[in-house]
C-alpha atoms as a PDB file:
ATOM      1  CA  UNK A   1     -27.522  66.799  39.806  1.00  0.00           C
ATOM      2  CA  UNK A   2     -25.208  65.806  42.826  1.00  0.00           C
ATOM      3  CA  UNK A   3     -25.951  69.245  44.558  1.00  0.00           C
ATOM      4  CA  UNK A   4     -29.419  68.573  44.933  1.00  0.00           C
ATOM      5  CA  UNK A   5     -28.856  64.777  45.634  1.00  0.00           C
ATOM      6  CA  UNK A   6     -26.564  65.617  48.821  1.00  0.00           C
ATOM      7  CA  UNK A   7     -29.108  68.670  50.055  1.00  0.00           C
ATOM      8  CA  UNK A   8     -32.081  66.139  49.727  1.00  0.00           C
ATOM      9  CA  UNK A   9     -29.951  63.434  51.602  1.00  0.00           C
ATOM     10  CA  UNK A  10     -29.184  65.662  53.947  1.00  0.00           C
ATOM     11  CA  UNK A  11     -32.724  66.616  54.807  1.00  0.00           C
ATOM     12  CA  UNK A  12     -33.666  62.793  54.971  1.00  0.00           C
ATOM     13  CA  UNK A  13     -31.274  61.642  57.451  1.00  0.00           C
ATOM     14  CA  UNK A  14     -31.594  64.825  59.613  1.00  0.00           C
ATOM     15  CA  UNK A  15     -32.556  64.502  63.151  1.00  0.00           C
ATOM     16  CA  UNK A  16     -34.393  67.630  64.850  1.00  0.00           C
ATOM     17  CA  UNK A  17     -33.106  67.025  68.609  1.00  0.00           C
ATOM     18  CA  UNK A  18     -29.507  66.122  67.284  1.00  0.00           C
ATOM     19  CA  UNK A  19     -29.619  69.424  65.581  1.00  0.00           C
ATOM     20  CA  UNK A  20     -30.843  71.169  68.495  1.00  0.00           C
ATOM     21  CA  UNK A  21     -27.913  69.914  70.179  1.00  0.00           C
ATOM     22  CA  UNK A  22     -25.337  71.132  67.577  1.00  0.00           C
ATOM     23  CA  UNK A  23     -26.871  74.490  67.485  1.00  0.00           C
ATOM     24  CA  UNK A  24     -25.761  74.763  71.224  1.00  0.00           C
ATOM     25  CA  UNK A  25     -22.382  73.265  70.986  1.00  0.00           C
ATOM     26  CA  UNK A  26     -21.397  75.383  67.449  1.00  0.00           C
ATOM     27  CA  UNK A  27     -23.345  78.294  68.659  1.00  0.00           C
ATOM     28  CA  UNK A  28     -21.547  80.836  65.893  1.00  0.00           C
ATOM     29  CA  UNK A  29     -23.578  79.582  62.794  1.00  0.00           C
ATOM     30  CA  UNK A  30     -27.182  80.421  62.158  1.00  0.00           C
ATOM     31  CA  UNK A  31     -29.783  78.146  63.339  1.00  0.00           C
ATOM     32  CA  UNK A  32     -30.761  77.447  59.778  1.00  0.00           C
ATOM     33  CA  UNK A  33     -27.369  76.241  58.995  1.00  0.00           C
ATOM     34  CA  UNK A  34     -27.246  73.184  60.903  1.00  0.00           C
ATOM     35  CA  UNK A  35     -29.551  70.317  60.034  1.00  0.00           C
ATOM     36  CA  UNK A  36     -28.790  67.440  62.353  1.00  0.00           C
ATOM     37  CA  UNK A  37     -27.031  64.701  60.513  1.00  0.00           C
ATOM     38  CA  UNK A  38     -24.868  62.442  63.054  1.00  0.00           C
ATOM     39  CA  UNK A  39     -21.095  62.419  62.390  1.00  0.00           C
ATOM     40  CA  UNK A  40     -21.065  58.692  61.478  1.00  0.00           C
ATOM     41  CA  UNK A  41     -23.673  58.813  58.513  1.00  0.00           C
ATOM     42  CA  UNK A  42     -21.672  61.862  57.274  1.00  0.00           C
ATOM     43  CA  UNK A  43     -18.785  59.931  56.957  1.00  0.00           C
ATOM     44  CA  UNK A  44     -20.186  56.697  55.406  1.00  0.00           C
ATOM     45  CA  UNK A  45     -22.015  58.890  53.113  1.00  0.00           C
ATOM     46  CA  UNK A  46     -18.673  60.821  52.283  1.00  0.00           C
ATOM     47  CA  UNK A  47     -17.237  57.775  51.245  1.00  0.00           C
ATOM     48  CA  UNK A  48     -19.827  56.805  48.968  1.00  0.00           C
ATOM     49  CA  UNK A  49     -19.368  60.293  47.232  1.00  0.00           C
ATOM     50  CA  UNK A  50     -16.066  59.762  46.993  1.00  0.00           C
ATOM     51  CA  UNK A  51     -16.312  56.984  44.477  1.00  0.00           C
ATOM     52  CA  UNK A  52     -18.744  59.438  42.010  1.00  0.00           C
ATOM     53  CA  UNK A  53     -17.121  60.883  39.228  1.00  0.00           C
ATOM     54  CA  UNK A  54     -19.029  64.302  39.577  1.00  0.00           C
ATOM     55  CA  UNK A  55     -18.038  64.890  42.995  1.00  0.00           C
ATOM     56  CA  UNK A  56     -15.915  67.666  42.213  1.00  0.00           C
ATOM     57  CA  UNK A  57     -19.072  69.637  41.048  1.00  0.00           C
ATOM     58  CA  UNK A  58     -19.903  69.657  45.044  1.00  0.00           C
ATOM     59  CA  UNK A  59     -16.493  70.303  46.294  1.00  0.00           C
ATOM     60  CA  UNK A  60     -16.173  73.575  43.847  1.00  0.00           C
ATOM     61  CA  UNK A  61     -19.564  74.789  44.856  1.00  0.00           C
ATOM     62  CA  UNK A  62     -18.293  77.289  47.342  1.00  0.00           C
ATOM     63  CA  UNK A  63     -19.715  78.671  50.362  1.00  0.00           C
ATOM     64  CA  UNK A  64     -21.762  75.427  51.238  1.00  0.00           C
ATOM     65  CA  UNK A  65     -25.514  76.422  52.602  1.00  0.00           C
ATOM     66  CA  UNK A  66     -25.010  73.980  55.798  1.00  0.00           C
ATOM     67  CA  UNK A  67     -23.101  72.681  58.516  1.00  0.00           C
ATOM     68  CA  UNK A  68     -23.413  69.189  57.211  1.00  0.00           C
ATOM     69  CA  UNK A  69     -22.514  70.026  53.569  1.00  0.00           C
ATOM     70  CA  UNK A  70     -18.944  71.489  55.074  1.00  0.00           C
ATOM     71  CA  UNK A  71     -18.800  68.301  56.947  1.00  0.00           C
ATOM     72  CA  UNK A  72     -18.874  66.243  53.999  1.00  0.00           C
ATOM     73  CA  UNK A  73     -16.531  68.075  52.105  1.00  0.00           C
ATOM     74  CA  UNK A  74     -14.173  67.754  55.235  1.00  0.00           C
ATOM     75  CA  UNK A  75     -14.745  64.116  55.114  1.00  0.00           C
ATOM     76  CA  UNK A  76     -14.101  63.955  51.491  1.00  0.00           C
ATOM     77  CA  UNK A  77     -10.732  65.496  51.807  1.00  0.00           C
ATOM     78  CA  UNK A  78      -9.575  63.296  54.580  1.00  0.00           C
ATOM     79  CA  UNK A  79      -9.691  60.361  52.453  1.00  0.00           C
ATOM     80  CA  UNK A  80      -8.069  61.974  49.340  1.00  0.00           C
ATOM     81  CA  UNK A  81      -4.578  59.847  48.506  1.00  0.00           C
ATOM     82  CA  UNK A  82      -2.538  62.180  46.886  1.00  0.00           C
ATOM     83  CA  UNK A  83      -0.928  64.981  48.977  1.00  0.00           C
ATOM     84  CA  UNK A  84      -0.422  67.334  46.353  1.00  0.00           C
ATOM     85  CA  UNK A  85      -3.825  67.082  45.539  1.00  0.00           C
ATOM     86  CA  UNK A  86      -5.013  67.089  48.846  1.00  0.00           C
ATOM     87  CA  UNK A  87      -2.982  70.157  50.016  1.00  0.00           C
ATOM     88  CA  UNK A  88      -4.427  71.954  46.437  1.00  0.00           C
ATOM     89  CA  UNK A  89      -8.267  70.999  47.425  1.00  0.00           C
ATOM     90  CA  UNK A  90      -7.432  71.969  51.359  1.00  0.00           C
ATOM     91  CA  UNK A  91      -6.063  75.442  50.519  1.00  0.00           C
ATOM     92  CA  UNK A  92      -9.588  75.940  48.371  1.00  0.00           C
ATOM     93  CA  UNK A  93     -11.661  74.663  51.030  1.00  0.00           C
ATOM     94  CA  UNK A  94     -10.243  76.366  54.037  1.00  0.00           C
ATOM     95  CA  UNK A  95     -11.224  80.218  53.652  1.00  0.00           C
ATOM     96  CA  UNK A  96     -14.761  78.869  54.066  1.00  0.00           C
ATOM     97  CA  UNK A  97     -14.449  76.712  56.997  1.00  0.00           C
ATOM     98  CA  UNK A  98     -16.685  78.640  59.466  1.00  0.00           C
ATOM     99  CA  UNK A  99     -16.846  76.633  62.709  1.00  0.00           C
ATOM    100  CA  UNK A 100     -14.697  75.115  64.916  1.00  0.00           C
ATOM    101  CA  UNK A 101     -16.081  71.530  64.487  1.00  0.00           C
ATOM    102  CA  UNK A 102     -15.553  71.292  60.689  1.00  0.00           C
ATOM    103  CA  UNK A 103     -11.850  72.914  61.461  1.00  0.00           C
ATOM    104  CA  UNK A 104     -11.122  70.358  63.887  1.00  0.00           C
ATOM    105  CA  UNK A 105     -12.472  67.335  62.347  1.00  0.00           C
ATOM    106  CA  UNK A 106     -10.477  67.959  58.994  1.00  0.00           C
ATOM    107  CA  UNK A 107      -7.495  65.784  59.312  1.00  0.00           C
ATOM    108  CA  UNK A 108      -6.331  64.365  56.039  1.00  0.00           C
ATOM    109  CA  UNK A 109      -4.804  61.054  56.928  1.00  0.00           C
ATOM    110  CA  UNK A 110      -2.174  61.333  53.928  1.00  0.00           C
ATOM    111  CA  UNK A 111      -0.525  64.321  56.064  1.00  0.00           C
ATOM    112  CA  UNK A 112       1.203  61.693  58.236  1.00  0.00           C
ATOM    113  CA  UNK A 113       3.255  60.716  55.673  1.00  0.00           C
ATOM    114  CA  UNK A 114       4.247  63.993  54.508  1.00  0.00           C
ATOM    115  CA  UNK A 115       5.004  65.950  57.482  1.00  0.00           C
ATOM    116  CA  UNK A 116       7.830  67.874  56.221  1.00  0.00           C
ATOM    117  CA  UNK A 117       5.897  69.352  53.402  1.00  0.00           C
ATOM    118  CA  UNK A 118       2.848  70.162  55.662  1.00  0.00           C
ATOM    119  CA  UNK A 119       5.046  71.995  57.636  1.00  0.00           C
ATOM    120  CA  UNK A 120       6.010  74.362  55.048  1.00  0.00           C
ATOM    121  CA  UNK A 121       2.365  75.709  54.778  1.00  0.00           C
ATOM    122  CA  UNK A 122       1.610  75.998  58.590  1.00  0.00           C
ATOM    123  CA  UNK A 123       3.408  79.501  59.049  1.00  0.00           C
ATOM    124  CA  UNK A 124       1.109  80.911  56.380  1.00  0.00           C
ATOM    125  CA  UNK A 125      -2.028  79.534  57.977  1.00  0.00           C
ATOM    126  CA  UNK A 126      -1.000  81.018  61.020  1.00  0.00           C
ATOM    127  CA  UNK A 127      -0.533  84.362  59.673  1.00  0.00           C
ATOM    128  CA  UNK A 128      -3.861  84.279  58.159  1.00  0.00           C
ATOM    129  CA  UNK A 129      -6.871  86.915  58.494  1.00  0.00           C
ATOM    130  CA  UNK A 130      -9.098  83.893  58.646  1.00  0.00           C
ATOM    131  CA  UNK A 131     -10.251  82.708  62.124  1.00  0.00           C
ATOM    132  CA  UNK A 132     -10.456  78.851  61.403  1.00  0.00           C
ATOM    133  CA  UNK A 133      -7.352  78.906  58.913  1.00  0.00           C
ATOM    134  CA  UNK A 134      -5.311  80.185  61.948  1.00  0.00           C
ATOM    135  CA  UNK A 135      -7.340  77.790  64.374  1.00  0.00           C
ATOM    136  CA  UNK A 136      -6.292  74.765  61.664  1.00  0.00           C
ATOM    137  CA  UNK A 137      -2.654  75.610  61.467  1.00  0.00           C
ATOM    138  CA  UNK A 138      -2.480  75.397  65.160  1.00  0.00           C
ATOM    139  CA  UNK A 139      -4.076  72.527  65.133  1.00  0.00           C
ATOM    140  CA  UNK A 140      -1.814  70.725  62.700  1.00  0.00           C
ATOM    141  CA  UNK A 141       0.786  71.491  64.616  1.00  0.00           C
ATOM    142  CA  UNK A 142      -0.662  70.026  67.582  1.00  0.00           C
ATOM    143  CA  UNK A 143      -1.501  67.034  65.957  1.00  0.00           C
ATOM    144  CA  UNK A 144       1.505  66.097  64.244  1.00  0.00           C
ATOM    145  CA  UNK A 145       4.622  68.313  65.532  1.00  0.00           C
ATOM    146  CA  UNK A 146       4.423  67.549  69.225  1.00  0.00           C
ATOM    147  CA  UNK A 147       6.193  64.457  69.450  1.00  0.00           C
ATOM    148  CA  UNK A 148       9.053  62.650  67.566  1.00  0.00           C
ATOM    149  CA  UNK A 149       9.018  65.765  65.022  1.00  0.00           C
ATOM    150  CA  UNK A 150       8.849  68.208  67.729  1.00  0.00           C
ATOM    151  CA  UNK A 151      10.968  71.501  67.560  1.00  0.00           C
ATOM    152  CA  UNK A 152      11.229  74.028  70.569  1.00  0.00           C
ATOM    153  CA  UNK A 153      10.308  76.798  67.960  1.00  0.00           C
ATOM    154  CA  UNK A 154       7.056  75.622  67.294  1.00  0.00           C
ATOM    155  CA  UNK A 155       6.081  76.772  70.583  1.00  0.00           C
ATOM    156  CA  UNK A 156       7.042  80.146  69.447  1.00  0.00           C
ATOM    157  CA  UNK A 157       5.054  80.452  66.485  1.00  0.00           C
ATOM    158  CA  UNK A 158       1.935  79.462  68.430  1.00  0.00           C
ATOM    159  CA  UNK A 159       2.883  81.849  71.114  1.00  0.00           C
ATOM    160  CA  UNK A 160       3.515  84.712  68.705  1.00  0.00           C
ATOM    161  CA  UNK A 161       0.042  84.441  67.331  1.00  0.00           C
ATOM    162  CA  UNK A 162      -1.933  87.875  68.303  1.00  0.00           C
ATOM    163  CA  UNK A 163      -5.671  87.218  68.291  1.00  0.00           C
ATOM    164  CA  UNK A 164      -8.937  88.688  69.765  1.00  0.00           C
ATOM    165  CA  UNK A 165     -10.683  85.469  68.218  1.00  0.00           C
ATOM    166  CA  UNK A 166     -12.152  83.051  71.125  1.00  0.00           C
ATOM    167  CA  UNK A 167     -11.862  80.045  68.763  1.00  0.00           C
ATOM    168  CA  UNK A 168      -7.989  81.063  68.153  1.00  0.00           C
ATOM    169  CA  UNK A 169      -7.153  81.609  71.598  1.00  0.00           C
ATOM    170  CA  UNK A 170      -9.076  78.073  72.679  1.00  0.00           C
ATOM    171  CA  UNK A 171      -6.829  76.533  70.265  1.00  0.00           C
ATOM    172  CA  UNK A 172      -3.730  78.176  71.492  1.00  0.00           C
ATOM    173  CA  UNK A 173      -4.842  76.951  74.965  1.00  0.00           C
ATOM    174  CA  UNK A 174      -5.682  73.704  74.024  1.00  0.00           C
ATOM    175  CA  UNK A 175      -1.976  73.319  71.971  1.00  0.00           C
ATOM    176  CA  UNK A 176      -0.175  74.462  74.909  1.00  0.00           C
ATOM    177  CA  UNK A 177      -1.888  72.217  77.423  1.00  0.00           C
ATOM    178  CA  UNK A 178      -0.993  69.057  75.201  1.00  0.00           C
ATOM    179  CA  UNK A 179       2.346  70.398  75.020  1.00  0.00           C
ATOM    180  CA  UNK A 180       2.609  70.127  78.638  1.00  0.00           C
ATOM    181  CA  UNK A 181       1.701  66.580  78.381  1.00  0.00           C
ATOM    182  CA  UNK A 182       4.110  65.971  75.849  1.00  0.00           C
ATOM    183  CA  UNK A 183       6.678  68.634  76.053  1.00  0.00           C
ATOM    184  CA  UNK A 184       6.733  69.774  79.588  1.00  0.00           C
ATOM    185  CA  UNK A 185      10.109  70.932  80.215  1.00  0.00           C
ATOM    186  CA  UNK A 186      10.205  73.010  76.903  1.00  0.00           C
ATOM    187  CA  UNK A 187       6.231  74.318  77.414  1.00  0.00           C
ATOM    188  CA  UNK A 188       6.122  74.977  81.083  1.00  0.00           C
ATOM    189  CA  UNK A 189       8.432  77.850  80.397  1.00  0.00           C
ATOM    190  CA  UNK A 190       5.849  79.838  78.596  1.00  0.00           C
ATOM    191  CA  UNK A 191       3.842  79.556  81.894  1.00  0.00           C
ATOM    192  CA  UNK A 192       6.565  80.587  84.074  1.00  0.00           C
ATOM    193  CA  UNK A 193       7.432  83.829  82.399  1.00  0.00           C
ATOM    194  CA  UNK A 194       3.984  84.865  81.328  1.00  0.00           C
ATOM    195  CA  UNK A 195       4.350  84.776  77.783  1.00  0.00           C
ATOM    196  CA  UNK A 196       0.791  84.081  76.814  1.00  0.00           C
ATOM    197  CA  UNK A 197      -1.943  86.508  77.081  1.00  0.00           C
ATOM    198  CA  UNK A 198      -3.465  86.242  80.734  1.00  0.00           C
ATOM    199  CA  UNK A 199      -6.945  84.721  79.125  1.00  0.00           C
ATOM    200  CA  UNK A 200      -4.654  81.903  77.230  1.00  0.00           C
ATOM    201  CA  UNK A 201      -2.479  81.393  80.020  1.00  0.00           C
ATOM    202  CA  UNK A 202      -5.322  80.762  82.457  1.00  0.00           C
ATOM    203  CA  UNK A 203      -6.846  78.550  80.099  1.00  0.00           C
ATOM    204  CA  UNK A 204      -3.837  76.351  79.346  1.00  0.00           C
ATOM    205  CA  UNK A 205      -3.741  76.225  82.990  1.00  0.00           C
ATOM    206  CA  UNK A 206      -7.244  74.805  83.623  1.00  0.00           C
ATOM    207  CA  UNK A 207      -6.997  72.615  80.537  1.00  0.00           C
ATOM    208  CA  UNK A 208      -3.585  71.043  81.905  1.00  0.00           C
ATOM    209  CA  UNK A 209      -5.276  70.514  85.138  1.00  0.00           C
ATOM    210  CA  UNK A 210      -8.386  68.982  83.787  1.00  0.00           C
ATOM    211  CA  UNK A 211      -5.898  66.299  81.550  1.00  0.00           C
ATOM    212  CA  UNK A 212      -5.116  62.701  82.419  1.00  0.00           C
ATOM    213  CA  UNK A 213      -2.007  62.998  80.997  1.00  0.00           C
ATOM    214  CA  UNK A 214      -0.735  65.202  83.526  1.00  0.00           C
ATOM    215  CA  UNK A 215       0.624  64.076  87.106  1.00  0.00           C
ATOM    216  CA  UNK A 216      -1.452  65.718  90.306  1.00  0.00           C
ATOM    217  CA  UNK A 217       2.302  67.140  91.251  1.00  0.00           C
ATOM    218  CA  UNK A 218       2.323  69.107  88.078  1.00  0.00           C
ATOM    219  CA  UNK A 219      -1.208  69.903  88.240  1.00  0.00           C
ATOM    220  CA  UNK A 220      -0.506  71.270  91.847  1.00  0.00           C
ATOM    221  CA  UNK A 221       2.272  73.632  90.597  1.00  0.00           C
ATOM    222  CA  UNK A 222       0.076  74.613  87.701  1.00  0.00           C
ATOM    223  CA  UNK A 223      -2.316  76.291  90.035  1.00  0.00           C
ATOM    224  CA  UNK A 224       0.383  78.185  91.244  1.00  0.00           C
ATOM    225  CA  UNK A 225       0.982  79.746  88.156  1.00  0.00           C
ATOM    226  CA  UNK A 226      -2.363  81.374  87.795  1.00  0.00           C
ATOM    227  CA  UNK A 227      -2.565  84.861  87.058  1.00  0.00           C
END
């Protein structure tokens, strides 16, 4: 069966030292959930699995038992070529995403060609009770809607997310720091008016100061806005 095959492959490809590294940067998972398979190997294996007719058995076997299985699932979805099929599979998987790495690496290529349809789903994701579904919605706004398809109201969508979850608030800060680099005139108003929670506000400034895409003069101004 393909499930046993995948589990066996993970055990054969894992690296203990890399596993220890992953456990440090993805601390919310139990140590036993992370085996230590490198991302390039997982991506390559996902391509091989995508050609297997029985891969649907793996995609429906939720929740998965390991970080690596979730990563494989994410990479399989990234390669889906039909938008409707991809979105349907994504909606099934999203509630089971349990860490920031899988959440942030799950970015199907087909979404770039269907931004208008994608945008229709984002408000529901932002309103979810699931930490990583909310984070995912913010991430999609960051990736797809901060340039030519940007609308000022999207800043409001993110600013209105009310969460005590660290991984949600970190993504809000990342979003606004990126917005400072790409849509400065609109984004800076949220800091000047104090419209973000204090922690998010200061983390946004920190990330903005660390960015290579923001000028020294702007960084000096950002420092003056710390709360």
